[in-house]
Amino acid sequence: MVPVAYSANTALPASLLAGVSDADLSAGLKSGLGSALESAMTKMTQPGALKVSPPPALAKIEAAAEGAGQAGASGGLSASVSAAVAKIAPQAADLMKSAFKDVNITDAKAALLSAPGGGTQYLRKAMTPALKEKLLPLVNAAVAAAGVEEKAKALIASAGPLASLAGNKSLADISPYVCEQVINQSFKFMAKEEAAIRANPSLLTNPLAAKVFGLLKK
């Protein structure tokens, strides 16, 4: 993977990391983030943990139908999206772990000093292109298997004047939207775990990672 140029507003003083080599900072950061990622993906793959709603326009139509007492007209669109996402969650977790292995951290100081989520931000920028490329075909398959598009078509057909809310691209946009939201949610799980190790570096079993993140607490 091509190294990523990274810039961030430093929220912590660089003096915190004085005396530690760039190589050790990079190694400690990657080890710590690796631990955070493992924990994040374990939590994300728990049943029901990864939550994605239908695209906003379709969600509005579904909510309007249900609000009008026409729950049957919605065709269970949200439920079908949830079913697709449940299937995708372990696949997304595996792709996150695989993409992480290829990340070359070239500016550990910027990532570390950009509290509270600089590491996650760095990973997001570095990993997202590869994740999108590999995850979208899996999303396409899961969305098709769950019958999401058919339910969306049925919803629009029964929506009457509300169908205009869907726009012309709603059906074509379902898979890209779900893919983007899965990636967004994956990094939200990651951000929470990074915050946890920043707050409590003793959670890290790797001595170098614990030392590097411990410096941020001083």
N, C-alpha and C. Protein backbone atom coordinates (compact mmCIF):
# COMPACT_ATOMS: atom_id res chain seq x y z
N MET A 1 0.84 -1.19 0.00
CA MET A 1 0.00 0.00 0.00
C MET A 1 0.87 1.24 0.00
N VAL A 2 0.48 2.23 -0.78
CA VAL A 2 1.25 3.47 -0.87
C VAL A 2 1.16 4.22 0.44
N PRO A 3 2.29 4.70 1.01
CA PRO A 3 2.24 5.48 2.25
C PRO A 3 1.32 6.68 2.10
N VAL A 4 0.62 7.00 3.18
CA VAL A 4 -0.35 8.08 3.14
C VAL A 4 0.22 9.33 3.77
N ALA A 5 0.12 10.44 3.06
CA ALA A 5 0.50 11.72 3.65
C ALA A 5 -0.57 12.11 4.64
N TYR A 6 -0.19 12.54 5.81
CA TYR A 6 -1.17 12.79 6.86
C TYR A 6 -0.88 14.11 7.52
N SER A 7 -1.90 14.90 7.67
CA SER A 7 -1.75 16.15 8.38
C SER A 7 -2.87 16.27 9.38
N ALA A 8 -2.58 16.84 10.52
CA ALA A 8 -3.59 16.97 11.56
C ALA A 8 -3.21 18.09 12.49
N ASN A 9 -4.20 18.65 13.13
CA ASN A 9 -3.93 19.67 14.12
C ASN A 9 -3.52 18.98 15.41
N THR A 10 -2.31 19.26 15.88
CA THR A 10 -1.83 18.60 17.07
C THR A 10 -2.56 19.12 18.29
N ALA A 11 -3.23 18.22 18.99
CA ALA A 11 -3.99 18.59 20.17
C ALA A 11 -3.17 18.39 21.43
N LEU A 12 -2.04 17.70 21.32
CA LEU A 12 -1.15 17.46 22.45
C LEU A 12 0.24 17.97 22.11
N PRO A 13 1.01 18.41 23.10
CA PRO A 13 2.35 18.94 22.83
C PRO A 13 3.32 17.86 22.38
N ALA A 14 4.13 18.19 21.39
CA ALA A 14 5.09 17.22 20.85
C ALA A 14 6.12 16.80 21.89
N SER A 15 6.31 17.62 22.92
CA SER A 15 7.29 17.28 23.96
C SER A 15 6.95 15.99 24.68
N LEU A 16 5.68 15.58 24.62
CA LEU A 16 5.29 14.33 25.26
C LEU A 16 6.05 13.14 24.67
N LEU A 17 6.41 13.25 23.41
CA LEU A 17 7.05 12.12 22.72
C LEU A 17 8.55 12.31 22.58
N ALA A 18 9.10 13.31 23.25
CA ALA A 18 10.54 13.57 23.16
C ALA A 18 11.32 12.38 23.69
N GLY A 19 12.41 12.09 23.00
CA GLY A 19 13.29 11.01 23.45
C GLY A 19 12.92 9.64 22.93
N VAL A 20 11.84 9.53 22.18
CA VAL A 20 11.45 8.24 21.61
C VAL A 20 11.64 8.33 20.10
N SER A 21 12.32 7.35 19.55
CA SER A 21 12.62 7.39 18.12
C SER A 21 11.36 7.26 17.28
N ASP A 22 11.43 7.78 16.06
CA ASP A 22 10.29 7.67 15.15
C ASP A 22 9.95 6.21 14.88
N ALA A 23 10.99 5.38 14.79
CA ALA A 23 10.75 3.95 14.54
C ALA A 23 9.96 3.32 15.68
N ASP A 24 10.34 3.65 16.92
CA ASP A 24 9.63 3.09 18.07
C ASP A 24 8.21 3.65 18.16
N LEU A 25 8.06 4.93 17.84
CA LEU A 25 6.72 5.52 17.86
C LEU A 25 5.81 4.82 16.85
N SER A 26 6.33 4.59 15.64
CA SER A 26 5.54 3.93 14.61
C SER A 26 5.19 2.50 15.00
N ALA A 27 6.20 1.79 15.54
CA ALA A 27 5.97 0.40 15.94
C ALA A 27 4.99 0.32 17.10
N GLY A 28 5.15 1.20 18.07
CA GLY A 28 4.25 1.20 19.22
C GLY A 28 2.83 1.59 18.84
N LEU A 29 2.72 2.57 17.95
CA LEU A 29 1.40 3.01 17.50
C LEU A 29 0.71 1.88 16.73
N LYS A 30 1.44 1.24 15.84
CA LYS A 30 0.80 0.19 15.04
C LYS A 30 0.40 -1.00 15.91
N SER A 31 1.24 -1.34 16.88
CA SER A 31 0.88 -2.44 17.76
C SER A 31 -0.36 -2.09 18.58
N GLY A 32 -0.37 -0.87 19.12
CA GLY A 32 -1.52 -0.45 19.91
C GLY A 32 -2.80 -0.40 19.10
N LEU A 33 -2.70 0.16 17.90
CA LEU A 33 -3.88 0.22 17.04
C LEU A 33 -4.32 -1.17 16.60
N GLY A 34 -3.35 -2.07 16.43
CA GLY A 34 -3.69 -3.44 16.09
C GLY A 34 -4.52 -4.09 17.18
N SER A 35 -4.13 -3.84 18.43
CA SER A 35 -4.90 -4.37 19.56
C SER A 35 -6.29 -3.75 19.61
N ALA A 36 -6.35 -2.44 19.37
CA ALA A 36 -7.64 -1.76 19.36
C ALA A 36 -8.53 -2.30 18.25
N LEU A 37 -7.93 -2.55 17.09
CA LEU A 37 -8.69 -3.06 15.96
C LEU A 37 -9.26 -4.45 16.25
N GLU A 38 -8.46 -5.31 16.85
CA GLU A 38 -8.94 -6.65 17.20
C GLU A 38 -10.14 -6.57 18.12
N SER A 39 -10.03 -5.72 19.13
CA SER A 39 -11.14 -5.56 20.08
C SER A 39 -12.36 -4.97 19.39
N ALA A 40 -12.14 -3.98 18.53
CA ALA A 40 -13.24 -3.33 17.83
C ALA A 40 -13.98 -4.30 16.93
N MET A 41 -13.23 -5.12 16.21
CA MET A 41 -13.86 -6.05 15.28
C MET A 41 -14.58 -7.17 16.02
N THR A 42 -14.06 -7.57 17.17
CA THR A 42 -14.77 -8.57 17.98
C THR A 42 -16.13 -8.03 18.41
N LYS A 43 -16.16 -6.77 18.82
CA LYS A 43 -17.42 -6.16 19.25
C LYS A 43 -18.35 -5.92 18.07
N MET A 44 -17.79 -5.51 16.95
CA MET A 44 -18.62 -5.20 15.79
C MET A 44 -19.32 -6.43 15.23
N THR A 45 -18.70 -7.59 15.38
CA THR A 45 -19.27 -8.81 14.80
C THR A 45 -20.24 -9.51 15.76
N GLN A 46 -20.50 -8.92 16.91
CA GLN A 46 -21.53 -9.47 17.78
C GLN A 46 -22.89 -9.27 17.12
N PRO A 47 -23.82 -10.19 17.33
CA PRO A 47 -25.14 -10.08 16.68
C PRO A 47 -25.80 -8.73 16.95
N GLY A 48 -26.18 -8.06 15.88
CA GLY A 48 -26.89 -6.79 16.00
C GLY A 48 -26.04 -5.58 16.30
N ALA A 49 -24.73 -5.76 16.43
CA ALA A 49 -23.87 -4.64 16.81
C ALA A 49 -23.69 -3.64 15.66
N LEU A 50 -23.54 -4.16 14.46
CA LEU A 50 -23.35 -3.30 13.29
C LEU A 50 -24.72 -2.89 12.75
N LYS A 51 -25.02 -1.61 12.85
CA LYS A 51 -26.35 -1.13 12.48
C LYS A 51 -26.26 -0.16 11.30
N VAL A 52 -27.01 -0.45 10.26
CA VAL A 52 -27.07 0.41 9.08
C VAL A 52 -28.53 0.52 8.66
N SER A 53 -28.99 1.74 8.44
CA SER A 53 -30.36 1.98 7.98
C SER A 53 -30.38 2.07 6.46
N PRO A 54 -31.55 2.01 5.85
CA PRO A 54 -31.63 2.22 4.40
C PRO A 54 -31.17 3.63 4.04
N PRO A 55 -30.87 3.89 2.78
CA PRO A 55 -30.52 5.26 2.36
C PRO A 55 -31.58 6.25 2.84
N PRO A 56 -31.19 7.47 3.17
CA PRO A 56 -32.12 8.44 3.80
C PRO A 56 -33.45 8.61 3.08
N ALA A 57 -33.43 8.73 1.75
CA ALA A 57 -34.68 8.95 1.02
C ALA A 57 -35.63 7.77 1.19
N LEU A 58 -35.10 6.56 1.08
CA LEU A 58 -35.93 5.37 1.25
C LEU A 58 -36.38 5.23 2.70
N ALA A 59 -35.51 5.60 3.64
CA ALA A 59 -35.88 5.54 5.05
C ALA A 59 -37.04 6.49 5.34
N LYS A 60 -37.06 7.66 4.70
CA LYS A 60 -38.16 8.62 4.89
C LYS A 60 -39.47 8.03 4.38
N ILE A 61 -39.41 7.40 3.22
CA ILE A 61 -40.63 6.80 2.65
C ILE A 61 -41.13 5.68 3.57
N GLU A 62 -40.20 4.86 4.04
CA GLU A 62 -40.58 3.75 4.92
C GLU A 62 -41.21 4.28 6.21
N ALA A 63 -40.59 5.32 6.79
CA ALA A 63 -41.12 5.89 8.03
C ALA A 63 -42.50 6.50 7.79
N ALA A 64 -42.68 7.14 6.64
CA ALA A 64 -43.97 7.74 6.33
C ALA A 64 -45.04 6.67 6.18
N ALA A 65 -44.68 5.56 5.53
CA ALA A 65 -45.63 4.47 5.36
C ALA A 65 -46.02 3.87 6.70
N GLU A 66 -45.04 3.67 7.56
CA GLU A 66 -45.32 3.11 8.87
C GLU A 66 -46.10 4.10 9.73
N GLY A 67 -45.77 5.40 9.58
CA GLY A 67 -46.48 6.43 10.34
C GLY A 67 -47.94 6.54 9.94
N ALA A 68 -48.21 6.17 8.70
CA ALA A 68 -49.58 6.22 8.20
C ALA A 68 -50.32 4.91 8.46
N GLY A 69 -49.69 4.05 9.24
CA GLY A 69 -50.32 2.78 9.56
C GLY A 69 -50.25 1.78 8.44
N GLN A 70 -49.29 1.97 7.55
CA GLN A 70 -49.13 1.06 6.41
C GLN A 70 -47.83 0.29 6.52
N ALA A 71 -47.61 -0.33 7.67
CA ALA A 71 -46.36 -1.04 7.90
C ALA A 71 -46.10 -2.10 6.84
N GLY A 72 -47.21 -2.71 6.35
CA GLY A 72 -47.03 -3.73 5.32
C GLY A 72 -46.51 -3.16 4.03
N ALA A 73 -46.80 -1.89 3.77
CA ALA A 73 -46.35 -1.27 2.53
C ALA A 73 -44.85 -1.08 2.49
N SER A 74 -44.23 -1.00 3.66
CA SER A 74 -42.77 -0.79 3.70
C SER A 74 -42.02 -2.03 3.25
N GLY A 75 -42.70 -3.17 3.33
CA GLY A 75 -42.08 -4.40 2.84
C GLY A 75 -40.88 -4.88 3.64
N GLY A 76 -40.68 -4.34 4.83
CA GLY A 76 -39.56 -4.79 5.65
C GLY A 76 -38.22 -4.38 5.10
N LEU A 77 -38.15 -3.18 4.52
CA LEU A 77 -36.89 -2.73 3.93
C LEU A 77 -35.77 -2.65 4.96
N SER A 78 -36.05 -2.03 6.10
CA SER A 78 -35.01 -1.91 7.13
C SER A 78 -34.54 -3.28 7.60
N ALA A 79 -35.49 -4.20 7.75
CA ALA A 79 -35.13 -5.54 8.20
C ALA A 79 -34.24 -6.24 7.18
N SER A 80 -34.52 -6.03 5.90
CA SER A 80 -33.70 -6.68 4.87
C SER A 80 -32.30 -6.07 4.82
N VAL A 81 -32.20 -4.75 5.04
CA VAL A 81 -30.88 -4.12 5.11
C VAL A 81 -30.11 -4.66 6.30
N SER A 82 -30.79 -4.82 7.43
CA SER A 82 -30.15 -5.36 8.63
C SER A 82 -29.65 -6.78 8.40
N ALA A 83 -30.43 -7.56 7.67
CA ALA A 83 -30.03 -8.94 7.37
C ALA A 83 -28.77 -8.95 6.50
N ALA A 84 -28.74 -8.04 5.52
CA ALA A 84 -27.56 -7.96 4.66
C ALA A 84 -26.33 -7.54 5.46
N VAL A 85 -26.51 -6.57 6.34
CA VAL A 85 -25.39 -6.06 7.13
C VAL A 85 -24.88 -7.12 8.10
N ALA A 86 -25.79 -7.92 8.66
CA ALA A 86 -25.38 -8.99 9.56
C ALA A 86 -24.47 -9.99 8.84
N LYS A 87 -24.78 -10.23 7.57
CA LYS A 87 -23.94 -11.14 6.79
C LYS A 87 -22.59 -10.52 6.47
N ILE A 88 -22.60 -9.22 6.27
CA ILE A 88 -21.38 -8.51 5.87
C ILE A 88 -20.42 -8.31 7.03
N ALA A 89 -20.94 -8.19 8.25
CA ALA A 89 -20.11 -7.80 9.40
C ALA A 89 -18.82 -8.61 9.54
N PRO A 90 -18.86 -9.94 9.56
CA PRO A 90 -17.61 -10.69 9.70
C PRO A 90 -16.68 -10.52 8.51
N GLN A 91 -17.27 -10.35 7.32
CA GLN A 91 -16.44 -10.13 6.13
C GLN A 91 -15.76 -8.78 6.20
N ALA A 92 -16.49 -7.77 6.65
CA ALA A 92 -15.90 -6.43 6.81
C ALA A 92 -14.79 -6.46 7.85
N ALA A 93 -15.01 -7.20 8.93
CA ALA A 93 -13.99 -7.29 9.97
C ALA A 93 -12.71 -7.92 9.43
N ASP A 94 -12.85 -8.97 8.65
CA ASP A 94 -11.68 -9.62 8.05
C ASP A 94 -10.94 -8.67 7.11
N LEU A 95 -11.70 -7.91 6.33
CA LEU A 95 -11.08 -6.97 5.40
C LEU A 95 -10.38 -5.84 6.16
N MET A 96 -10.96 -5.39 7.27
CA MET A 96 -10.32 -4.37 8.09
C MET A 96 -8.97 -4.87 8.60
N LYS A 97 -8.95 -6.07 9.08
CA LYS A 97 -7.71 -6.65 9.61
C LYS A 97 -6.67 -6.82 8.51
N SER A 98 -7.11 -7.27 7.35
CA SER A 98 -6.19 -7.46 6.23
C SER A 98 -5.62 -6.13 5.75
N ALA A 99 -6.47 -5.12 5.62
CA ALA A 99 -6.01 -3.81 5.17
C ALA A 99 -5.06 -3.19 6.18
N PHE A 100 -5.31 -3.43 7.45
CA PHE A 100 -4.45 -2.87 8.50
C PHE A 100 -3.01 -3.39 8.39
N LYS A 101 -2.87 -4.66 8.03
CA LYS A 101 -1.54 -5.24 7.93
C LYS A 101 -0.69 -4.53 6.88
N ASP A 102 -1.34 -3.96 5.87
CA ASP A 102 -0.61 -3.31 4.79
C ASP A 102 -0.32 -1.83 5.05
N VAL A 103 -0.84 -1.30 6.15
CA VAL A 103 -0.66 0.13 6.43
C VAL A 103 0.78 0.42 6.84
N ASN A 104 1.34 1.41 6.19
CA ASN A 104 2.68 1.88 6.53
C ASN A 104 2.53 3.22 7.25
N ILE A 105 2.77 3.24 8.55
CA ILE A 105 2.60 4.46 9.32
C ILE A 105 3.84 5.34 9.14
N THR A 106 3.66 6.44 8.46
CA THR A 106 4.79 7.31 8.13
C THR A 106 4.86 8.57 8.98
N ASP A 107 3.83 8.82 9.77
CA ASP A 107 3.85 10.01 10.63
C ASP A 107 3.15 9.68 11.94
N ALA A 108 3.83 8.87 12.75
CA ALA A 108 3.24 8.43 14.01
C ALA A 108 3.00 9.60 14.96
N LYS A 109 3.88 10.58 14.95
CA LYS A 109 3.71 11.71 15.86
C LYS A 109 2.41 12.44 15.60
N ALA A 110 2.11 12.71 14.33
CA ALA A 110 0.86 13.41 14.01
C ALA A 110 -0.34 12.60 14.46
N ALA A 111 -0.30 11.30 14.22
CA ALA A 111 -1.42 10.45 14.59
C ALA A 111 -1.58 10.36 16.10
N LEU A 112 -0.47 10.27 16.81
CA LEU A 112 -0.52 10.15 18.26
C LEU A 112 -0.95 11.44 18.93
N LEU A 113 -0.48 12.56 18.42
CA LEU A 113 -0.74 13.83 19.08
C LEU A 113 -2.10 14.41 18.74
N SER A 114 -2.78 13.81 17.76
CA SER A 114 -4.10 14.30 17.39
C SER A 114 -5.16 13.59 18.23
N ALA A 115 -5.16 13.89 19.51
CA ALA A 115 -6.11 13.24 20.41
C ALA A 115 -7.53 13.70 20.07
N PRO A 116 -8.54 12.83 20.29
CA PRO A 116 -8.41 11.50 20.86
C PRO A 116 -8.37 10.38 19.83
N GLY A 117 -8.54 10.71 18.55
CA GLY A 117 -8.68 9.63 17.57
C GLY A 117 -7.76 9.74 16.39
N GLY A 118 -6.55 10.28 16.59
CA GLY A 118 -5.66 10.49 15.46
C GLY A 118 -5.24 9.21 14.77
N GLY A 119 -5.06 8.15 15.54
CA GLY A 119 -4.67 6.87 14.95
C GLY A 119 -5.75 6.32 14.04
N THR A 120 -6.99 6.39 14.51
CA THR A 120 -8.12 5.92 13.70
C THR A 120 -8.27 6.76 12.44
N GLN A 121 -8.09 8.07 12.57
CA GLN A 121 -8.18 8.93 11.40
C GLN A 121 -7.12 8.57 10.37
N TYR A 122 -5.93 8.28 10.86
CA TYR A 122 -4.83 7.89 9.97
C TYR A 122 -5.20 6.60 9.24
N LEU A 123 -5.68 5.62 10.01
CA LEU A 123 -6.04 4.33 9.42
C LEU A 123 -7.18 4.49 8.42
N ARG A 124 -8.14 5.32 8.75
CA ARG A 124 -9.26 5.51 7.84
C ARG A 124 -8.79 6.01 6.49
N LYS A 125 -7.90 6.99 6.52
CA LYS A 125 -7.40 7.55 5.26
C LYS A 125 -6.57 6.51 4.50
N ALA A 126 -5.81 5.72 5.23
CA ALA A 126 -4.94 4.75 4.59
C ALA A 126 -5.68 3.53 4.06
N MET A 127 -6.71 3.10 4.77
CA MET A 127 -7.35 1.83 4.49
C MET A 127 -8.61 1.91 3.63
N THR A 128 -9.28 3.05 3.62
CA THR A 128 -10.60 3.13 2.98
C THR A 128 -10.60 2.77 1.49
N PRO A 129 -9.64 3.25 0.68
CA PRO A 129 -9.70 2.89 -0.75
C PRO A 129 -9.70 1.38 -0.99
N ALA A 130 -8.82 0.65 -0.30
CA ALA A 130 -8.78 -0.80 -0.48
C ALA A 130 -10.03 -1.46 0.09
N LEU A 131 -10.52 -0.94 1.20
CA LEU A 131 -11.73 -1.50 1.79
C LEU A 131 -12.92 -1.39 0.85
N LYS A 132 -13.09 -0.21 0.25
CA LYS A 132 -14.21 0.00 -0.66
C LYS A 132 -14.14 -0.96 -1.84
N GLU A 133 -12.95 -1.08 -2.38
CA GLU A 133 -12.78 -1.93 -3.56
C GLU A 133 -13.14 -3.38 -3.27
N LYS A 134 -12.74 -3.87 -2.10
CA LYS A 134 -12.96 -5.28 -1.77
C LYS A 134 -14.31 -5.54 -1.13
N LEU A 135 -14.84 -4.54 -0.43
CA LEU A 135 -16.08 -4.75 0.30
C LEU A 135 -17.31 -4.62 -0.59
N LEU A 136 -17.27 -3.72 -1.57
CA LEU A 136 -18.47 -3.47 -2.37
C LEU A 136 -19.02 -4.72 -3.05
N PRO A 137 -18.20 -5.59 -3.65
CA PRO A 137 -18.77 -6.81 -4.25
C PRO A 137 -19.46 -7.69 -3.21
N LEU A 138 -18.94 -7.73 -2.00
CA LEU A 138 -19.56 -8.51 -0.93
C LEU A 138 -20.88 -7.90 -0.52
N VAL A 139 -20.92 -6.57 -0.48
CA VAL A 139 -22.17 -5.88 -0.17
C VAL A 139 -23.20 -6.14 -1.25
N ASN A 140 -22.78 -6.07 -2.50
CA ASN A 140 -23.69 -6.36 -3.61
C ASN A 140 -24.34 -7.73 -3.45
N ALA A 141 -23.53 -8.72 -3.11
CA ALA A 141 -24.03 -10.08 -2.96
C ALA A 141 -24.99 -10.20 -1.78
N ALA A 142 -24.63 -9.57 -0.66
CA ALA A 142 -25.47 -9.65 0.54
C ALA A 142 -26.78 -8.92 0.35
N VAL A 143 -26.72 -7.77 -0.30
CA VAL A 143 -27.93 -6.98 -0.56
C VAL A 143 -28.87 -7.77 -1.50
N ALA A 144 -28.30 -8.42 -2.50
CA ALA A 144 -29.12 -9.22 -3.42
C ALA A 144 -29.75 -10.41 -2.70
N ALA A 145 -28.95 -11.08 -1.86
CA ALA A 145 -29.45 -12.26 -1.15
C ALA A 145 -30.57 -11.90 -0.18
N ALA A 146 -30.50 -10.71 0.39
CA ALA A 146 -31.52 -10.28 1.35
C ALA A 146 -32.75 -9.68 0.68
N GLY A 147 -32.70 -9.55 -0.64
CA GLY A 147 -33.84 -9.01 -1.37
C GLY A 147 -34.09 -7.53 -1.11
N VAL A 148 -33.02 -6.79 -0.82
CA VAL A 148 -33.17 -5.38 -0.48
C VAL A 148 -33.75 -4.58 -1.64
N GLU A 149 -33.23 -4.80 -2.84
CA GLU A 149 -33.69 -4.00 -3.98
C GLU A 149 -35.15 -4.27 -4.28
N GLU A 150 -35.57 -5.53 -4.19
CA GLU A 150 -36.98 -5.86 -4.45
C GLU A 150 -37.89 -5.17 -3.45
N LYS A 151 -37.47 -5.16 -2.19
CA LYS A 151 -38.28 -4.50 -1.15
C LYS A 151 -38.31 -3.00 -1.36
N ALA A 152 -37.19 -2.43 -1.82
CA ALA A 152 -37.16 -1.00 -2.10
C ALA A 152 -38.08 -0.66 -3.26
N LYS A 153 -38.07 -1.49 -4.29
CA LYS A 153 -38.96 -1.25 -5.43
C LYS A 153 -40.43 -1.32 -5.01
N ALA A 154 -40.74 -2.30 -4.17
CA ALA A 154 -42.12 -2.45 -3.70
C ALA A 154 -42.52 -1.25 -2.86
N LEU A 155 -41.62 -0.78 -2.06
CA LEU A 155 -41.89 0.38 -1.21
C LEU A 155 -42.18 1.61 -2.06
N ILE A 156 -41.33 1.83 -3.05
CA ILE A 156 -41.52 3.00 -3.92
C ILE A 156 -42.84 2.88 -4.70
N ALA A 157 -43.15 1.68 -5.16
CA ALA A 157 -44.37 1.47 -5.93
C ALA A 157 -45.62 1.76 -5.12
N SER A 158 -45.53 1.53 -3.81
CA SER A 158 -46.70 1.72 -2.96
C SER A 158 -46.73 3.09 -2.30
N ALA A 159 -45.71 3.91 -2.58
CA ALA A 159 -45.56 5.17 -1.85
C ALA A 159 -46.40 6.31 -2.38
N GLY A 160 -46.95 6.16 -3.59
CA GLY A 160 -47.73 7.25 -4.15
C GLY A 160 -46.88 8.49 -4.35
N PRO A 161 -47.40 9.67 -3.98
CA PRO A 161 -46.64 10.92 -4.16
C PRO A 161 -45.31 10.93 -3.43
N LEU A 162 -45.23 10.15 -2.36
CA LEU A 162 -43.98 10.11 -1.59
C LEU A 162 -42.83 9.49 -2.38
N ALA A 163 -43.14 8.79 -3.43
CA ALA A 163 -42.10 8.12 -4.22
C ALA A 163 -41.08 9.10 -4.76
N SER A 164 -41.51 10.35 -4.94
CA SER A 164 -40.58 11.36 -5.47
C SER A 164 -39.40 11.60 -4.54
N LEU A 165 -39.58 11.27 -3.26
CA LEU A 165 -38.49 11.44 -2.30
C LEU A 165 -37.31 10.54 -2.63
N ALA A 166 -37.60 9.43 -3.30
CA ALA A 166 -36.54 8.45 -3.55
C ALA A 166 -35.54 8.93 -4.59
N GLY A 167 -35.97 9.78 -5.51
CA GLY A 167 -35.06 10.22 -6.56
C GLY A 167 -34.81 9.13 -7.57
N ASN A 168 -34.06 9.46 -8.60
CA ASN A 168 -33.83 8.51 -9.69
C ASN A 168 -32.74 7.49 -9.38
N LYS A 169 -31.88 7.81 -8.43
CA LYS A 169 -30.72 6.95 -8.20
C LYS A 169 -30.85 6.07 -6.96
N SER A 170 -31.95 6.14 -6.27
CA SER A 170 -32.05 5.47 -4.98
C SER A 170 -31.74 3.98 -5.05
N LEU A 171 -32.31 3.30 -6.05
CA LEU A 171 -32.09 1.85 -6.14
C LEU A 171 -30.64 1.54 -6.48
N ALA A 172 -30.06 2.30 -7.40
CA ALA A 172 -28.68 2.05 -7.79
C ALA A 172 -27.71 2.40 -6.67
N ASP A 173 -28.14 3.29 -5.78
CA ASP A 173 -27.25 3.76 -4.73
C ASP A 173 -27.26 2.90 -3.48
N ILE A 174 -28.14 1.90 -3.41
CA ILE A 174 -28.27 1.14 -2.17
C ILE A 174 -26.96 0.48 -1.76
N SER A 175 -26.37 -0.30 -2.65
CA SER A 175 -25.15 -1.02 -2.28
C SER A 175 -23.99 -0.08 -1.94
N PRO A 176 -23.71 0.95 -2.77
CA PRO A 176 -22.65 1.89 -2.39
C PRO A 176 -22.92 2.57 -1.05
N TYR A 177 -24.18 2.89 -0.80
CA TYR A 177 -24.53 3.53 0.47
C TYR A 177 -24.27 2.59 1.63
N VAL A 178 -24.73 1.36 1.52
CA VAL A 178 -24.53 0.38 2.60
C VAL A 178 -23.04 0.14 2.80
N CYS A 179 -22.29 0.04 1.71
CA CYS A 179 -20.84 -0.16 1.81
C CYS A 179 -20.18 0.98 2.59
N GLU A 180 -20.55 2.20 2.23
CA GLU A 180 -19.97 3.36 2.91
C GLU A 180 -20.33 3.38 4.39
N GLN A 181 -21.57 3.04 4.69
CA GLN A 181 -22.00 3.05 6.09
C GLN A 181 -21.33 1.96 6.90
N VAL A 182 -21.11 0.80 6.31
CA VAL A 182 -20.40 -0.28 7.01
C VAL A 182 -18.98 0.17 7.33
N ILE A 183 -18.33 0.81 6.39
CA ILE A 183 -16.97 1.31 6.64
C ILE A 183 -16.99 2.38 7.73
N ASN A 184 -17.96 3.30 7.64
CA ASN A 184 -18.07 4.34 8.67
C ASN A 184 -18.25 3.73 10.06
N GLN A 185 -19.16 2.76 10.16
CA GLN A 185 -19.41 2.14 11.44
C GLN A 185 -18.20 1.35 11.94
N SER A 186 -17.48 0.72 11.02
CA SER A 186 -16.28 -0.03 11.41
C SER A 186 -15.27 0.89 12.08
N PHE A 187 -15.07 2.06 11.50
CA PHE A 187 -14.10 2.99 12.09
C PHE A 187 -14.64 3.65 13.36
N LYS A 188 -15.95 3.72 13.52
CA LYS A 188 -16.50 4.22 14.79
C LYS A 188 -16.19 3.24 15.91
N PHE A 189 -16.33 1.96 15.63
CA PHE A 189 -15.96 0.95 16.62
C PHE A 189 -14.47 1.09 16.94
N MET A 190 -13.67 1.29 15.90
CA MET A 190 -12.23 1.44 16.07
C MET A 190 -11.90 2.66 16.92
N ALA A 191 -12.58 3.77 16.68
CA ALA A 191 -12.31 5.01 17.42
C ALA A 191 -12.58 4.83 18.91
N LYS A 192 -13.63 4.10 19.24
CA LYS A 192 -13.94 3.86 20.65
C LYS A 192 -12.84 3.06 21.33
N GLU A 193 -12.30 2.09 20.61
CA GLU A 193 -11.24 1.28 21.20
C GLU A 193 -9.93 2.05 21.30
N GLU A 194 -9.67 2.93 20.33
CA GLU A 194 -8.48 3.77 20.44
C GLU A 194 -8.61 4.69 21.65
N ALA A 195 -9.80 5.25 21.85
CA ALA A 195 -10.01 6.12 23.01
C ALA A 195 -9.77 5.35 24.30
N ALA A 196 -10.14 4.08 24.31
CA ALA A 196 -9.96 3.27 25.52
C ALA A 196 -8.48 3.05 25.84
N ILE A 197 -7.66 2.78 24.82
CA ILE A 197 -6.25 2.54 25.11
C ILE A 197 -5.51 3.85 25.38
N ARG A 198 -6.00 4.95 24.86
CA ARG A 198 -5.41 6.25 25.20
C ARG A 198 -5.70 6.57 26.67
N ALA A 199 -6.91 6.24 27.11
CA ALA A 199 -7.30 6.51 28.49
C ALA A 199 -6.64 5.55 29.47
N ASN A 200 -6.38 4.34 29.01
CA ASN A 200 -5.81 3.32 29.89
C ASN A 200 -4.80 2.46 29.13
N PRO A 201 -3.58 2.95 28.95
CA PRO A 201 -2.56 2.22 28.19
C PRO A 201 -2.22 0.86 28.78
N SER A 202 -2.55 0.63 30.04
CA SER A 202 -2.25 -0.67 30.65
C SER A 202 -3.07 -1.79 30.01
N LEU A 203 -4.07 -1.43 29.21
CA LEU A 203 -4.83 -2.45 28.48
C LEU A 203 -3.97 -3.14 27.43
N LEU A 204 -2.87 -2.49 27.04
CA LEU A 204 -2.00 -3.03 25.99
C LEU A 204 -0.98 -3.98 26.57
N THR A 205 -0.86 -5.15 25.95
CA THR A 205 0.08 -6.15 26.44
C THR A 205 1.47 -6.00 25.84
N ASN A 206 1.56 -5.32 24.69
CA ASN A 206 2.87 -5.09 24.07
C ASN A 206 3.58 -3.96 24.83
N PRO A 207 4.77 -4.21 25.38
CA PRO A 207 5.45 -3.20 26.20
C PRO A 207 5.71 -1.89 25.46
N LEU A 208 6.10 -1.97 24.18
CA LEU A 208 6.40 -0.76 23.44
C LEU A 208 5.12 0.04 23.20
N ALA A 209 4.04 -0.65 22.85
CA ALA A 209 2.76 0.04 22.64
C ALA A 209 2.31 0.71 23.94
N ALA A 210 2.43 -0.03 25.05
CA ALA A 210 2.02 0.54 26.34
C ALA A 210 2.87 1.76 26.69
N LYS A 211 4.16 1.69 26.36
CA LYS A 211 5.05 2.83 26.64
C LYS A 211 4.65 4.05 25.80
N VAL A 212 4.43 3.83 24.51
CA VAL A 212 4.12 4.94 23.61
C VAL A 212 2.80 5.59 24.00
N PHE A 213 1.77 4.79 24.23
CA PHE A 213 0.49 5.38 24.60
C PHE A 213 0.52 5.93 26.02
N GLY A 214 1.38 5.34 26.86
CA GLY A 214 1.54 5.87 28.21
C GLY A 214 2.12 7.25 28.24
N LEU A 215 2.97 7.57 27.26
CA LEU A 215 3.57 8.91 27.19
C LEU A 215 2.50 9.98 27.03
N LEU A 216 1.40 9.63 26.39
CA LEU A 216 0.34 10.61 26.15
C LEU A 216 -0.42 10.95 27.44
N LYS A 217 -0.24 10.13 28.47
CA LYS A 217 -0.93 10.36 29.73
C LYS A 217 -0.12 11.22 30.68
N LYS A 218 1.13 11.48 30.33
CA LYS A 218 2.02 12.21 31.25
C LYS A 218 1.83 13.72 31.12
